[in-house]
Amino acid sequence: MTAEDIKTVAVLGAGTMGNGIAHVFARRRLQSHSARCRTTLVDRGMDTIGQNLAREVKKGKLTEEERGNVLERLLARHRYFNIAAADFLVEAVPEK
């Protein structure tokens, strides 16, 4: 598999690093799945990404249309088994 073959990315962890990683992959036109067992953490991560994208629009780095497209590529998953079909996996889970 080469980098060009990767179409979907799964990010385990939806904290500061996880949502940032998912954000970057989605900006690069890759389908990005963010997963965390606790629903509140996934939702909070998605909210953070939404706020960061809004800030990019305000600064002129992204259009509203592009912002919508990025958000469409982000999929929040509340269980790890939902991401088994991803082409690439990034682990960003705190080591507790």
N, C-alpha and C. Protein backbone atom coordinates (compact mmCIF):
# COMPACT_ATOMS: atom_id res chain seq x y z
N MET A 1 0.84 -1.17 0.00
CA MET A 1 0.00 0.00 0.00
C MET A 1 0.89 1.24 0.00
N THR A 2 0.52 2.22 -0.80
CA THR A 2 1.24 3.49 -0.84
C THR A 2 0.35 4.58 -0.25
N ALA A 3 0.92 5.74 -0.02
CA ALA A 3 0.16 6.86 0.52
C ALA A 3 -1.03 7.22 -0.38
N GLU A 4 -0.86 7.05 -1.68
CA GLU A 4 -1.94 7.37 -2.62
C GLU A 4 -3.12 6.42 -2.49
N ASP A 5 -2.88 5.22 -1.95
CA ASP A 5 -3.94 4.23 -1.78
C ASP A 5 -4.84 4.52 -0.58
N ILE A 6 -4.39 5.38 0.32
CA ILE A 6 -5.15 5.66 1.54
C ILE A 6 -6.29 6.63 1.23
N LYS A 7 -7.49 6.18 1.51
CA LYS A 7 -8.69 7.01 1.29
C LYS A 7 -9.42 7.29 2.59
N THR A 8 -9.32 6.37 3.55
CA THR A 8 -9.97 6.57 4.85
C THR A 8 -8.95 6.38 5.97
N VAL A 9 -9.06 7.23 6.97
CA VAL A 9 -8.15 7.22 8.10
C VAL A 9 -8.98 7.12 9.37
N ALA A 10 -8.56 6.30 10.30
CA ALA A 10 -9.20 6.22 11.61
C ALA A 10 -8.25 6.80 12.64
N VAL A 11 -8.78 7.61 13.52
CA VAL A 11 -7.99 8.20 14.59
C VAL A 11 -8.59 7.71 15.91
N LEU A 12 -7.83 6.93 16.65
CA LEU A 12 -8.28 6.47 17.96
C LEU A 12 -7.89 7.53 18.98
N GLY A 13 -8.89 8.10 19.60
CA GLY A 13 -8.67 9.19 20.54
C GLY A 13 -9.25 10.46 19.96
N ALA A 14 -9.99 11.18 20.78
CA ALA A 14 -10.64 12.40 20.29
C ALA A 14 -10.28 13.61 21.15
N GLY A 15 -9.16 13.50 21.87
CA GLY A 15 -8.70 14.62 22.67
C GLY A 15 -7.98 15.65 21.82
N THR A 16 -7.12 16.42 22.44
CA THR A 16 -6.41 17.49 21.75
C THR A 16 -5.65 16.97 20.53
N MET A 17 -4.87 15.94 20.71
CA MET A 17 -4.11 15.40 19.57
C MET A 17 -5.01 14.70 18.57
N GLY A 18 -5.91 13.86 19.06
CA GLY A 18 -6.78 13.09 18.17
C GLY A 18 -7.63 13.96 17.27
N ASN A 19 -8.28 14.99 17.84
CA ASN A 19 -9.13 15.82 16.98
C ASN A 19 -8.30 16.66 16.04
N GLY A 20 -7.09 17.05 16.45
CA GLY A 20 -6.21 17.79 15.54
C GLY A 20 -5.76 16.94 14.36
N ILE A 21 -5.43 15.68 14.65
CA ILE A 21 -5.02 14.76 13.59
C ILE A 21 -6.16 14.50 12.62
N ALA A 22 -7.36 14.24 13.16
CA ALA A 22 -8.53 14.02 12.30
C ALA A 22 -8.82 15.25 11.44
N HIS A 23 -8.68 16.43 12.03
CA HIS A 23 -8.90 17.69 11.32
C HIS A 23 -7.95 17.80 10.12
N VAL A 24 -6.68 17.53 10.35
CA VAL A 24 -5.68 17.64 9.28
C VAL A 24 -5.97 16.64 8.15
N PHE A 25 -6.28 15.40 8.50
CA PHE A 25 -6.60 14.41 7.46
C PHE A 25 -7.83 14.84 6.66
N ALA A 26 -8.86 15.31 7.34
CA ALA A 26 -10.07 15.74 6.63
C ALA A 26 -9.80 16.94 5.73
N ARG A 27 -8.92 17.85 6.17
CA ARG A 27 -8.54 18.99 5.32
C ARG A 27 -7.81 18.52 4.07
N ARG A 28 -7.15 17.38 4.15
CA ARG A 28 -6.40 16.83 3.02
C ARG A 28 -7.25 15.91 2.15
N ARG A 29 -8.56 16.05 2.28
CA ARG A 29 -9.55 15.33 1.47
C ARG A 29 -9.57 13.82 1.72
N LEU A 30 -9.26 13.41 2.93
CA LEU A 30 -9.36 12.01 3.31
C LEU A 30 -10.56 11.84 4.24
N GLN A 31 -11.30 10.78 4.05
CA GLN A 31 -12.39 10.46 4.96
C GLN A 31 -11.75 10.14 6.31
N SER A 32 -12.17 10.83 7.35
CA SER A 32 -11.53 10.68 8.66
C SER A 32 -12.54 10.24 9.70
N HIS A 33 -12.25 9.14 10.38
CA HIS A 33 -13.10 8.61 11.44
C HIS A 33 -12.39 8.88 12.76
N SER A 34 -13.08 9.53 13.68
CA SER A 34 -12.52 9.77 15.00
C SER A 34 -13.28 8.89 15.97
N ALA A 35 -12.56 8.09 16.75
CA ALA A 35 -13.23 7.14 17.62
C ALA A 35 -12.76 7.27 19.06
N ARG A 36 -13.70 7.12 19.94
CA ARG A 36 -13.45 7.11 21.38
C ARG A 36 -14.65 6.43 22.01
N CYS A 37 -14.44 5.64 23.01
CA CYS A 37 -15.55 4.91 23.63
C CYS A 37 -16.57 5.83 24.29
N ARG A 38 -16.11 6.90 24.89
CA ARG A 38 -17.06 7.79 25.58
C ARG A 38 -17.61 8.82 24.61
N THR A 39 -18.91 8.82 24.44
CA THR A 39 -19.60 9.70 23.49
C THR A 39 -19.28 11.16 23.74
N THR A 40 -19.24 11.58 25.00
CA THR A 40 -19.00 12.99 25.30
C THR A 40 -17.64 13.45 24.78
N LEU A 41 -16.64 12.59 24.81
CA LEU A 41 -15.31 12.98 24.32
C LEU A 41 -15.29 13.11 22.81
N VAL A 42 -15.97 12.23 22.11
CA VAL A 42 -16.04 12.33 20.65
C VAL A 42 -16.79 13.61 20.27
N ASP A 43 -17.91 13.85 20.93
CA ASP A 43 -18.69 15.06 20.64
C ASP A 43 -17.88 16.32 20.91
N ARG A 44 -17.15 16.33 22.01
CA ARG A 44 -16.32 17.50 22.35
C ARG A 44 -15.22 17.68 21.30
N GLY A 45 -14.61 16.58 20.85
CA GLY A 45 -13.59 16.66 19.81
C GLY A 45 -14.15 17.22 18.51
N MET A 46 -15.35 16.78 18.13
CA MET A 46 -15.98 17.28 16.91
C MET A 46 -16.32 18.76 17.05
N ASP A 47 -16.76 19.19 18.23
CA ASP A 47 -17.04 20.62 18.47
C ASP A 47 -15.77 21.45 18.32
N THR A 48 -14.67 20.93 18.85
CA THR A 48 -13.39 21.64 18.74
C THR A 48 -12.97 21.79 17.28
N ILE A 49 -13.12 20.73 16.52
CA ILE A 49 -12.78 20.81 15.09
C ILE A 49 -13.67 21.85 14.41
N GLY A 50 -14.95 21.85 14.71
CA GLY A 50 -15.87 22.84 14.13
C GLY A 50 -15.45 24.26 14.45
N GLN A 51 -15.04 24.50 15.70
CA GLN A 51 -14.58 25.84 16.11
C GLN A 51 -13.29 26.22 15.39
N ASN A 52 -12.38 25.26 15.26
CA ASN A 52 -11.12 25.53 14.56
C ASN A 52 -11.36 25.84 13.09
N LEU A 53 -12.28 25.11 12.46
CA LEU A 53 -12.60 25.38 11.05
C LEU A 53 -13.24 26.75 10.91
N ALA A 54 -14.12 27.13 11.83
CA ALA A 54 -14.75 28.45 11.79
C ALA A 54 -13.69 29.55 11.90
N ARG A 55 -12.69 29.32 12.74
CA ARG A 55 -11.59 30.28 12.87
C ARG A 55 -10.80 30.39 11.57
N GLU A 56 -10.60 29.26 10.88
CA GLU A 56 -9.90 29.28 9.60
C GLU A 56 -10.69 30.07 8.56
N VAL A 57 -12.01 29.93 8.57
CA VAL A 57 -12.86 30.69 7.64
C VAL A 57 -12.72 32.18 7.94
N LYS A 58 -12.79 32.54 9.22
CA LYS A 58 -12.68 33.94 9.62
C LYS A 58 -11.36 34.56 9.20
N LYS A 59 -10.28 33.76 9.22
CA LYS A 59 -8.96 34.25 8.83
C LYS A 59 -8.74 34.21 7.32
N GLY A 60 -9.72 33.68 6.57
CA GLY A 60 -9.60 33.62 5.12
C GLY A 60 -8.77 32.45 4.61
N LYS A 61 -8.49 31.49 5.47
CA LYS A 61 -7.70 30.32 5.06
C LYS A 61 -8.57 29.23 4.45
N LEU A 62 -9.88 29.38 4.59
CA LEU A 62 -10.83 28.36 4.17
C LEU A 62 -12.14 29.05 3.81
N THR A 63 -12.81 28.60 2.76
CA THR A 63 -14.12 29.16 2.44
C THR A 63 -15.20 28.40 3.22
N GLU A 64 -16.38 28.96 3.30
CA GLU A 64 -17.50 28.28 3.96
C GLU A 64 -17.80 26.94 3.27
N GLU A 65 -17.71 26.94 1.95
CA GLU A 65 -17.96 25.70 1.21
C GLU A 65 -16.93 24.63 1.57
N GLU A 66 -15.66 25.03 1.62
CA GLU A 66 -14.60 24.09 2.00
C GLU A 66 -14.81 23.60 3.43
N ARG A 67 -15.22 24.49 4.32
CA ARG A 67 -15.50 24.11 5.71
C ARG A 67 -16.58 23.03 5.75
N GLY A 68 -17.64 23.21 4.99
CA GLY A 68 -18.70 22.21 4.93
C GLY A 68 -18.20 20.88 4.39
N ASN A 69 -17.35 20.94 3.38
CA ASN A 69 -16.80 19.72 2.80
C ASN A 69 -15.92 18.97 3.80
N VAL A 70 -15.11 19.71 4.57
CA VAL A 70 -14.27 19.09 5.58
C VAL A 70 -15.14 18.41 6.63
N LEU A 71 -16.17 19.11 7.09
CA LEU A 71 -17.05 18.53 8.11
C LEU A 71 -17.75 17.27 7.61
N GLU A 72 -18.08 17.23 6.32
CA GLU A 72 -18.71 16.04 5.75
C GLU A 72 -17.76 14.84 5.74
N ARG A 73 -16.46 15.11 5.65
CA ARG A 73 -15.48 14.01 5.64
C ARG A 73 -15.16 13.48 7.03
N LEU A 74 -15.61 14.18 8.06
CA LEU A 74 -15.36 13.75 9.44
C LEU A 74 -16.54 12.92 9.95
N LEU A 75 -16.23 11.75 10.45
CA LEU A 75 -17.25 10.88 11.00
C LEU A 75 -16.88 10.53 12.43
N ALA A 76 -17.75 10.84 13.36
CA ALA A 76 -17.51 10.49 14.76
C ALA A 76 -18.01 9.08 15.01
N ARG A 77 -17.18 8.29 15.62
CA ARG A 77 -17.53 6.91 15.96
C ARG A 77 -17.39 6.75 17.46
N HIS A 78 -18.39 6.14 18.06
CA HIS A 78 -18.36 5.98 19.50
C HIS A 78 -17.90 4.60 19.94
N ARG A 79 -17.60 3.75 19.02
CA ARG A 79 -17.09 2.41 19.33
C ARG A 79 -15.97 2.09 18.35
N TYR A 80 -14.95 1.45 18.84
CA TYR A 80 -13.79 1.15 18.01
C TYR A 80 -14.08 0.20 16.85
N PHE A 81 -15.01 -0.74 17.03
CA PHE A 81 -15.25 -1.72 15.98
C PHE A 81 -15.83 -1.08 14.71
N ASN A 82 -16.35 0.13 14.78
CA ASN A 82 -16.90 0.81 13.61
C ASN A 82 -15.84 1.31 12.64
N ILE A 83 -14.58 1.23 13.00
CA ILE A 83 -13.54 1.81 12.15
C ILE A 83 -12.66 0.75 11.49
N ALA A 84 -13.08 -0.48 11.55
CA ALA A 84 -12.26 -1.60 11.04
C ALA A 84 -11.94 -1.49 9.55
N ALA A 85 -12.75 -0.80 8.78
CA ALA A 85 -12.54 -0.73 7.33
C ALA A 85 -11.57 0.39 6.91
N ALA A 86 -11.03 1.15 7.86
CA ALA A 86 -10.13 2.25 7.51
C ALA A 86 -8.85 1.72 6.88
N ASP A 87 -8.29 2.49 5.96
CA ASP A 87 -7.05 2.13 5.29
C ASP A 87 -5.82 2.39 6.16
N PHE A 88 -5.95 3.35 7.08
CA PHE A 88 -4.81 3.77 7.90
C PHE A 88 -5.32 4.13 9.28
N LEU A 89 -4.56 3.81 10.32
CA LEU A 89 -4.98 4.04 11.69
C LEU A 89 -3.91 4.84 12.44
N VAL A 90 -4.36 5.85 13.18
CA VAL A 90 -3.47 6.63 14.04
C VAL A 90 -3.98 6.47 15.46
N GLU A 91 -3.07 6.14 16.38
CA GLU A 91 -3.43 5.98 17.77
C GLU A 91 -3.03 7.24 18.54
N ALA A 92 -4.00 7.89 19.17
CA ALA A 92 -3.75 9.09 19.96
C ALA A 92 -4.52 9.02 21.28
N VAL A 93 -4.43 7.86 21.92
CA VAL A 93 -5.16 7.61 23.16
C VAL A 93 -4.22 7.88 24.33
N PRO A 94 -4.69 8.61 25.35
CA PRO A 94 -3.84 8.83 26.52
C PRO A 94 -3.45 7.51 27.19
N GLU A 95 -2.26 7.47 27.70
CA GLU A 95 -1.78 6.25 28.35
C GLU A 95 -2.04 6.39 29.85
N LYS A 96 -3.24 5.98 30.25
CA LYS A 96 -3.62 6.05 31.67
C LYS A 96 -3.59 4.66 32.26
